[in-house]
Amino acid sequence: MGKALEGVRVLDMTHVQSGPSATQILAWLGADVVKLEGITGDITRQQLRDLPGVDSLYFTMLNCNKRSITLNMKSARGKEIFADLIKTTDILVENFAPGAIDRMGFTWERLEEINPALIYASIKGFGPGKFVDCKAYEVVAQAMGGSMSTTGFEDGPPTATAAQIGDSGTGMHLVAGILAALYQRVQTGRGQRVTVAMQEAVLNLTRVKLRDQQRLAHGPLKEYPNAEFGDEVPRSGNASGGGQPGWAVKCSPGGPNDYIYVIVQPPGWAKIAELIGRPELADDPEWATPEARLHKLDKMFQMIEEWTTQHDKWAIMDILNAVNVPCGPILSTKELLEDESLAKTGAVVEVEHPQRGAFKTVGCPIRLSDSPVEVYTSPALGEHNAEILQDIGIDPSELDALKEAGVI
């Protein structure tokens, strides 16, 4: 059975996280992703190493299913080889600082001239405007995309989320743009530019807070637990911020992740009231309706927590799911890596690496019935130089000379 993107060649000039997260998805979907690295390689091969002399998990977990070649883009011969690679490439992806590819001598106009069918995809920190030339990192994007100002507790500072919405979140947006351009090329035969700004990707993921900013003009946000409101959306702790109130409540035995997130829907209130030993609250006018509960959500979740602290989070999940109350235990990274159900579905997979042995990583979160994904390890630096360069007509006898000259 073929893969969804079989026959599609991707030249991956990305590094760190945002770009590699996008190109790895393309590789998982069947594209031939060729990671083009400088002579010293992607910096994350060395960052946060846990084993001396072995590619870091940072690099390994973001570059599975790819091939690697090295190329010195500052050399004249390197530029010639790059141009030849572009001729056989469907998609070029990069996340360098603004203008870096242009300074190498390969503007979009030049690339389009070499290969009119090329899709040239880029991740930048910011879109056109006063910040266009500024660099961005994960938490910079969170800061400037609205996430940090609305994350955390009311009496605390702006807080970053551990979910990498600035880097990997932007990468997923880029995948959508690439696939749309690939489909349009089927109709037109022409390639095009695809760009995603990290700030804008985070902004897109924070859209509900922009909704609430505009709702503030008509009064306080009643579903928020905050006592006071100014003219900006406040940080609201673990409140769901949606139509159904939710909160993370403590469970036994009281460890740092012994919590469960519980959502109280109107049909579930009577069942919750019975479980917590307060069945009379189901019909009490002071508690029976969502409107009655809305101004005392803190008290409601306090009562629920008095019950949940008597059980562990897994027992609570079983009890609440049995009566159709939405909930979810707070899972630690250790619990996720050891979760049997995630391993069974392929959400977490074990992969063999030639130097480090077996390691665990995430599997492809996108499942296609006719394009199953097998995750295999990231490439060694320049591992595929010979086979890829031979594909574009470079004689094997030249490879040693190219290496000696510092071109590869």
Protein backbone atom coordinates (compact mmCIF):
# COMPACT_ATOMS: atom_id res chain seq x y z
CA MET A 1 0.00 0.00 0.00
CA GLY A 2 1.40 3.40 -1.01
CA LYS A 3 1.75 6.47 1.18
CA ALA A 4 -0.32 9.62 0.83
CA LEU A 5 2.66 11.78 -0.18
CA GLU A 6 4.68 9.09 -1.95
CA GLY A 7 6.74 10.60 -4.77
CA VAL A 8 6.86 14.06 -3.19
CA ARG A 9 10.40 15.34 -2.54
CA VAL A 10 10.91 17.84 0.29
CA LEU A 11 14.17 19.73 0.77
CA ASP A 12 14.20 20.47 4.47
CA MET A 13 16.40 23.46 5.37
CA THR A 14 14.83 23.84 8.81
CA HIS A 15 16.39 23.67 12.24
CA VAL A 16 15.48 23.65 15.93
CA GLN A 17 11.73 22.89 16.33
CA SER A 18 9.16 24.85 14.32
CA GLY A 19 10.35 23.78 10.87
CA PRO A 20 11.41 20.21 11.73
CA SER A 21 8.02 19.55 13.34
CA ALA A 22 6.35 20.44 10.02
CA THR A 23 8.68 18.44 7.79
CA GLN A 24 8.45 15.41 10.08
CA ILE A 25 4.68 15.34 9.55
CA LEU A 26 5.30 15.40 5.78
CA ALA A 27 7.79 12.53 6.18
CA TRP A 28 5.30 10.53 8.24
CA LEU A 29 2.72 11.04 5.50
CA GLY A 30 5.11 9.50 2.98
CA ALA A 31 7.13 12.34 1.49
CA ASP A 32 10.85 11.86 0.86
CA VAL A 33 12.18 14.51 3.23
CA VAL A 34 15.84 15.35 2.67
CA LYS A 35 17.24 17.35 5.56
CA LEU A 36 19.88 19.71 4.20
CA GLU A 37 22.31 20.70 6.96
CA GLY A 38 25.46 22.75 7.16
CA ILE A 39 28.73 20.91 7.66
CA THR A 40 28.34 21.04 11.45
CA GLY A 41 24.68 20.03 11.35
CA ASP A 42 21.47 21.24 12.96
CA ILE A 43 22.42 22.86 16.28
CA THR A 44 19.93 20.67 18.13
CA ARG A 45 22.05 17.59 17.41
CA GLN A 46 24.26 18.88 20.24
CA GLN A 47 21.80 20.77 22.44
CA LEU A 48 20.52 19.14 25.65
CA ARG A 49 22.54 15.97 25.06
CA ASP A 50 21.99 13.17 27.56
CA LEU A 51 24.67 10.86 26.07
CA PRO A 52 28.16 12.09 25.09
CA GLY A 53 28.76 12.14 21.35
CA VAL A 54 25.23 10.98 20.51
CA ASP A 55 22.58 13.09 18.78
CA SER A 56 20.30 14.61 21.39
CA LEU A 57 16.71 13.55 21.90
CA TYR A 58 15.84 17.13 20.97
CA PHE A 59 17.09 16.46 17.44
CA THR A 60 16.14 12.80 17.24
CA MET A 61 12.50 13.26 18.21
CA LEU A 62 11.95 16.00 15.62
CA ASN A 63 13.70 14.41 12.66
CA CYS A 64 12.46 10.84 12.40
CA ASN A 65 11.79 9.41 8.93
CA LYS A 66 14.12 11.86 7.15
CA ARG A 67 17.31 11.56 5.13
CA SER A 68 20.29 13.86 5.72
CA ILE A 69 22.78 15.56 3.45
CA THR A 70 25.37 18.22 4.25
CA LEU A 71 26.16 21.19 2.05
CA ASN A 72 28.27 24.31 2.45
CA MET A 73 26.05 27.00 0.96
CA LYS A 74 28.83 29.57 1.17
CA SER A 75 30.89 27.76 -1.49
CA ALA A 76 30.35 28.26 -5.21
CA ARG A 77 30.11 24.52 -5.80
CA GLY A 78 27.67 24.22 -2.91
CA LYS A 79 25.39 26.79 -4.56
CA GLU A 80 25.55 24.85 -7.84
CA ILE A 81 24.60 21.63 -6.10
CA PHE A 82 21.77 23.40 -4.27
CA ALA A 83 20.37 24.69 -7.57
CA ASP A 84 20.47 21.15 -8.97
CA LEU A 85 18.67 19.87 -5.87
CA ILE A 86 15.95 22.50 -6.32
CA LYS A 87 15.29 21.19 -9.84
CA THR A 88 14.20 17.82 -8.40
CA THR A 89 12.40 19.24 -5.35
CA ASP A 90 8.66 19.66 -4.91
CA ILE A 91 8.72 21.54 -1.61
CA LEU A 92 11.46 23.65 -0.02
CA VAL A 93 10.95 24.40 3.68
CA GLU A 94 13.05 26.82 5.76
CA ASN A 95 12.84 28.69 9.05
CA PHE A 96 16.00 30.80 8.95
CA ALA A 97 16.14 34.38 10.17
CA PRO A 98 14.49 36.87 7.79
CA GLY A 99 16.41 37.26 4.54
CA ALA A 100 18.89 34.41 5.12
CA ILE A 101 18.01 32.44 1.97
CA ASP A 102 17.99 35.65 -0.09
CA ARG A 103 21.50 36.46 1.10
CA MET A 104 22.63 33.03 -0.09
CA GLY A 105 21.63 34.19 -3.59
CA PHE A 106 18.32 32.35 -3.77
CA THR A 107 15.43 34.78 -3.72
CA TRP A 108 11.95 33.50 -4.45
CA GLU A 109 12.28 34.87 -7.98
CA ARG A 110 15.51 32.90 -8.49
CA LEU A 111 14.05 29.71 -7.05
CA GLU A 112 10.92 30.07 -9.18
CA GLU A 113 13.13 30.49 -12.22
CA ILE A 114 15.02 27.27 -11.43
CA ASN A 115 11.82 25.30 -10.75
CA PRO A 116 8.47 26.93 -11.58
CA ALA A 117 6.62 24.09 -9.83
CA LEU A 118 8.45 24.61 -6.53
CA ILE A 119 6.47 25.24 -3.36
CA TYR A 120 8.63 27.41 -1.12
CA ALA A 121 7.44 27.32 2.49
CA SER A 122 8.80 29.51 5.28
CA ILE A 123 8.27 30.05 8.98
CA LYS A 124 9.12 33.51 10.29
CA GLY A 125 8.64 35.15 13.65
CA PHE A 126 6.37 37.90 12.40
CA GLY A 127 4.39 38.91 9.36
CA PRO A 128 4.85 42.13 7.36
CA GLY A 129 5.04 45.14 9.66
CA LYS A 130 7.35 46.75 12.17
CA PHE A 131 8.56 43.42 13.60
CA VAL A 132 9.18 41.69 10.27
CA ASP A 133 12.97 41.61 10.71
CA CYS A 134 12.89 40.50 14.35
CA LYS A 135 13.75 36.98 15.46
CA ALA A 136 11.27 34.96 17.49
CA TYR A 137 11.45 31.92 19.71
CA GLU A 138 8.76 29.74 21.26
CA VAL A 139 7.95 31.89 24.27
CA VAL A 140 8.45 35.15 22.37
CA ALA A 141 5.65 34.01 20.06
CA GLN A 142 3.51 33.09 23.07
CA ALA A 143 4.19 36.50 24.58
CA MET A 144 3.28 38.42 21.44
CA GLY A 145 0.44 36.19 20.29
CA GLY A 146 -1.84 36.68 23.30
CA SER A 147 -1.19 33.40 25.07
CA MET A 148 0.95 34.54 28.00
CA SER A 149 -1.21 37.49 29.02
CA THR A 150 -4.18 35.14 29.42
CA THR A 151 -2.37 32.16 30.98
CA GLY A 152 -1.78 31.77 34.71
CA PHE A 153 -3.60 32.76 37.87
CA GLU A 154 -5.12 36.16 38.52
CA ASP A 155 -2.60 37.15 41.18
CA GLY A 156 0.43 35.76 39.31
CA PRO A 157 2.64 36.83 36.40
CA PRO A 158 2.03 36.07 32.72
CA THR A 159 2.83 32.39 32.21
CA ALA A 160 4.11 30.34 29.29
CA THR A 161 2.39 27.10 28.38
CA ALA A 162 4.52 23.95 28.11
CA ALA A 163 2.66 23.00 24.94
CA GLN A 164 4.89 24.31 22.16
CA ILE A 165 2.23 26.38 20.43
CA GLY A 166 4.79 28.85 19.11
CA ASP A 167 7.09 26.31 17.47
CA SER A 168 5.22 23.08 16.77
CA GLY A 169 1.91 24.96 16.62
CA THR A 170 3.32 27.09 13.81
CA GLY A 171 4.73 23.98 12.16
CA MET A 172 1.27 22.42 11.98
CA HIS A 173 -0.12 25.59 10.41
CA LEU A 174 2.67 25.41 7.81
CA VAL A 175 1.77 21.80 6.99
CA ALA A 176 -1.78 22.93 6.19
CA GLY A 177 -0.48 25.63 3.87
CA ILE A 178 1.95 23.27 2.13
CA LEU A 179 -0.71 20.65 1.48
CA ALA A 180 -3.09 23.31 0.14
CA ALA A 181 -0.39 24.59 -2.22
CA LEU A 182 0.43 21.03 -3.30
CA TYR A 183 -3.21 20.44 -4.15
CA GLN A 184 -3.49 23.74 -6.04
CA ARG A 185 -0.40 22.80 -8.03
CA VAL A 186 -2.28 19.76 -9.31
CA GLN A 187 -4.76 22.18 -10.88
CA THR A 188 -2.34 24.86 -12.09
CA GLY A 189 1.05 23.18 -12.47
CA ARG A 190 2.59 26.17 -10.65
CA GLY A 191 4.32 26.37 -7.31
CA GLN A 192 3.90 29.24 -4.86
CA ARG A 193 5.15 30.82 -1.65
CA VAL A 194 3.71 29.63 1.66
CA THR A 195 4.51 31.63 4.79
CA VAL A 196 3.37 31.36 8.38
CA ALA A 197 4.37 33.78 11.15
CA MET A 198 4.80 32.39 14.65
CA GLN A 199 3.01 35.35 16.24
CA GLU A 200 0.02 34.84 13.95
CA ALA A 201 -0.14 31.09 14.54
CA VAL A 202 -0.29 31.66 18.30
CA LEU A 203 -2.86 34.40 17.76
CA ASN A 204 -5.00 31.94 15.80
CA LEU A 205 -4.79 29.46 18.68
CA THR A 206 -5.74 32.21 21.14
CA ARG A 207 -8.81 33.37 19.23
CA VAL A 208 -11.26 32.60 22.05
CA LYS A 209 -9.51 35.19 24.20
CA LEU A 210 -10.00 37.76 21.44
CA ARG A 211 -13.67 36.75 21.51
CA ASP A 212 -13.76 37.46 25.23
CA GLN A 213 -11.92 40.77 24.83
CA GLN A 214 -14.80 42.01 22.69
CA ARG A 215 -17.41 40.57 25.05
CA LEU A 216 -15.90 42.63 27.87
CA ALA A 217 -17.46 45.73 26.32
CA HIS A 218 -20.83 44.40 27.47
CA GLY A 219 -19.90 43.55 31.04
CA PRO A 220 -17.96 41.04 33.16
CA LEU A 221 -17.23 37.55 31.82
CA LYS A 222 -19.50 35.56 34.08
CA GLU A 223 -17.97 32.17 33.29
CA TYR A 224 -14.60 33.41 34.61
CA PRO A 225 -13.90 32.97 38.34
CA ASN A 226 -12.32 36.42 38.63
CA ALA A 227 -13.85 38.84 41.13
CA GLU A 228 -12.94 41.98 39.19
CA PHE A 229 -12.57 42.87 35.53
CA GLY A 230 -10.66 45.69 33.91
CA ASP A 231 -10.56 46.43 30.20
CA GLU A 232 -8.46 43.36 29.27
CA VAL A 233 -9.15 39.63 29.44
CA PRO A 234 -7.68 38.47 32.76
CA ARG A 235 -5.73 35.37 33.63
CA SER A 236 -8.23 32.90 35.01
CA GLY A 237 -6.26 29.95 36.35
CA ASN A 238 -7.68 26.59 35.33
CA ALA A 239 -11.12 27.89 34.34
CA SER A 240 -12.28 26.46 31.03
CA GLY A 241 -13.16 29.88 29.63
CA GLY A 242 -15.97 28.25 27.67
CA GLY A 243 -19.69 27.70 28.06
CA GLN A 244 -19.26 24.84 30.54
CA PRO A 245 -17.34 25.58 33.77
CA GLY A 246 -14.37 23.37 34.64
CA TRP A 247 -11.54 23.20 37.14
CA ALA A 248 -8.65 20.97 38.20
CA VAL A 249 -9.50 19.50 41.61
CA LYS A 250 -7.18 17.61 43.96
CA CYS A 251 -7.23 13.84 44.35
CA SER A 252 -5.63 11.33 46.71
CA PRO A 253 -2.79 10.83 47.63
CA GLY A 254 -2.02 14.51 47.01
CA GLY A 255 1.05 14.42 44.75
CA PRO A 256 1.93 17.24 42.33
CA ASN A 257 -0.13 15.69 39.52
CA ASP A 258 -2.85 14.06 41.62
CA TYR A 259 -5.58 16.22 40.09
CA ILE A 260 -8.47 15.66 37.74
CA TYR A 261 -10.12 18.22 35.51
CA VAL A 262 -13.89 18.14 35.90
CA ILE A 263 -16.43 19.89 33.67
CA VAL A 264 -19.90 20.56 35.04
CA GLN A 265 -22.53 20.41 32.33
CA PRO A 266 -26.20 21.11 33.15
CA PRO A 267 -27.26 17.44 32.74
CA GLY A 268 -24.40 16.29 34.99
CA TRP A 269 -25.10 18.46 38.02
CA ALA A 270 -27.63 16.14 39.68
CA LYS A 271 -25.27 13.18 39.29
CA ILE A 272 -22.36 15.16 40.74
CA ALA A 273 -24.49 16.38 43.64
CA GLU A 274 -25.38 12.80 44.49
CA LEU A 275 -21.76 11.61 44.25
CA ILE A 276 -20.46 14.32 46.58
CA GLY A 277 -23.12 13.50 49.15
CA ARG A 278 -25.26 16.60 48.54
CA PRO A 279 -28.23 15.24 46.52
CA GLU A 280 -30.48 18.06 47.78
CA LEU A 281 -28.48 20.55 45.67
CA ALA A 282 -29.95 19.08 42.48
CA ASP A 283 -33.29 20.75 43.22
CA ASP A 284 -32.14 23.66 45.38
CA PRO A 285 -32.94 26.90 43.52
CA GLU A 286 -29.62 28.28 44.77
CA TRP A 287 -27.73 25.51 42.95
CA ALA A 288 -30.01 23.77 40.47
CA THR A 289 -29.32 25.86 37.35
CA PRO A 290 -26.12 26.96 35.60
CA GLU A 291 -27.11 30.59 36.16
CA ALA A 292 -27.52 29.98 39.92
CA ARG A 293 -24.09 28.32 40.14
CA LEU A 294 -22.25 30.79 37.96
CA HIS A 295 -21.41 33.37 40.65
CA LYS A 296 -20.15 30.72 43.10
CA LEU A 297 -18.09 28.39 40.95
CA ASP A 298 -15.30 28.49 43.53
CA LYS A 299 -17.64 27.07 46.19
CA MET A 300 -18.99 24.47 43.76
CA PHE A 301 -15.55 23.14 42.91
CA GLN A 302 -14.54 23.28 46.57
CA MET A 303 -17.39 20.90 47.37
CA ILE A 304 -16.41 18.63 44.49
CA GLU A 305 -12.79 18.66 45.67
CA GLU A 306 -13.81 17.60 49.17
CA TRP A 307 -15.11 14.42 47.52
CA THR A 308 -12.31 13.88 44.96
CA THR A 309 -9.59 14.07 47.63
CA GLN A 310 -11.00 10.83 49.06
CA HIS A 311 -10.12 8.89 45.87
CA ASP A 312 -7.27 8.68 43.37
CA LYS A 313 -7.65 10.31 39.98
CA TRP A 314 -8.15 7.05 38.10
CA ALA A 315 -10.99 5.98 40.40
CA ILE A 316 -12.61 9.40 39.98
CA MET A 317 -12.33 9.11 36.21
CA ASP A 318 -14.10 5.73 36.28
CA ILE A 319 -16.84 7.02 38.57
CA LEU A 320 -17.52 10.20 36.61
CA ASN A 321 -17.38 8.56 33.20
CA ALA A 322 -19.90 5.98 34.39
CA VAL A 323 -22.41 8.82 34.84
CA ASN A 324 -21.32 10.71 31.70
CA VAL A 325 -19.53 13.60 33.42
CA PRO A 326 -16.61 14.90 31.30
CA CYS A 327 -13.30 14.72 33.13
CA GLY A 328 -9.62 14.01 32.64
CA PRO A 329 -6.82 13.14 35.05
CA ILE A 330 -3.76 15.39 34.93
CA LEU A 331 -1.16 13.09 33.36
CA SER A 332 2.53 13.57 34.00
CA THR A 333 5.14 13.09 31.29
CA LYS A 334 6.17 9.85 33.00
CA GLU A 335 2.61 8.56 32.95
CA LEU A 336 2.24 9.45 29.27
CA LEU A 337 5.44 7.64 28.25
CA GLU A 338 4.31 4.55 30.19
CA ASP A 339 0.64 4.62 29.13
CA GLU A 340 -0.29 1.28 27.55
CA SER A 341 -3.24 2.66 25.60
CA LEU A 342 -1.10 5.36 23.96
CA ALA A 343 1.47 2.73 23.03
CA LYS A 344 -1.24 0.50 21.59
CA THR A 345 -2.64 3.26 19.37
CA GLY A 346 0.82 4.43 18.26
CA ALA A 347 0.53 7.83 19.92
CA VAL A 348 3.76 6.97 21.75
CA VAL A 349 6.20 4.69 19.95
CA GLU A 350 9.53 3.05 20.73
CA VAL A 351 12.21 3.52 18.09
CA GLU A 352 15.65 1.95 17.73
CA HIS A 353 18.60 4.30 17.35
CA PRO A 354 21.98 2.90 16.25
CA GLN A 355 23.88 4.67 19.05
CA ARG A 356 21.47 5.31 21.90
CA GLY A 357 19.41 2.13 21.57
CA ALA A 358 15.65 2.30 22.04
CA PHE A 359 14.00 5.63 22.79
CA LYS A 360 10.38 6.70 22.99
CA THR A 361 8.83 9.47 20.96
CA VAL A 362 5.45 10.66 19.76
CA GLY A 363 3.85 8.91 16.84
CA CYS A 364 2.04 10.61 13.99
CA PRO A 365 -1.14 12.21 15.36
CA ILE A 366 -2.75 12.18 11.90
CA ARG A 367 -4.11 8.79 10.91
CA LEU A 368 -5.03 7.93 7.32
CA SER A 369 -6.66 4.56 6.73
CA ASP A 370 -4.79 3.99 3.45
CA SER A 371 -1.46 5.50 4.52
CA PRO A 372 -0.23 3.90 7.75
CA VAL A 373 2.82 5.43 9.41
CA GLU A 374 5.89 3.58 10.62
CA VAL A 375 8.23 5.76 12.67
CA TYR A 376 11.94 5.13 12.23
CA THR A 377 14.97 6.90 13.61
CA SER A 378 16.48 10.21 12.59
CA PRO A 379 19.45 10.21 10.20
CA ALA A 380 23.11 10.64 11.07
CA LEU A 381 24.67 13.86 9.82
CA GLY A 382 25.25 13.53 6.07
CA GLU A 383 24.24 9.87 6.13
CA HIS A 384 22.66 10.05 2.67
CA ASN A 385 25.14 12.34 0.90
CA ALA A 386 26.24 9.74 -1.63
CA GLU A 387 22.85 8.42 -2.69
CA ILE A 388 21.14 11.82 -2.95
CA LEU A 389 23.98 13.56 -4.78
CA GLN A 390 24.24 10.68 -7.21
CA ASP A 391 20.49 11.12 -7.87
CA ILE A 392 21.22 14.61 -9.27
CA GLY A 393 24.06 13.41 -11.44
CA ILE A 394 27.16 13.87 -9.32
CA ASP A 395 29.66 11.15 -10.07
CA PRO A 396 30.70 9.03 -7.06
CA SER A 397 34.32 9.82 -7.86
CA GLU A 398 33.69 13.49 -7.04
CA LEU A 399 32.36 12.86 -3.53
CA ASP A 400 35.77 12.58 -1.87
CA ALA A 401 36.91 15.80 -3.52
CA LEU A 402 33.75 17.60 -2.40
CA LYS A 403 34.33 16.45 1.16
CA GLU A 404 37.98 17.45 1.12
CA ALA A 405 37.06 20.88 -0.23
CA GLY A 406 34.52 21.36 2.56
CA VAL A 407 31.54 21.47 0.19
CA ILE A 408 29.81 18.50 1.88
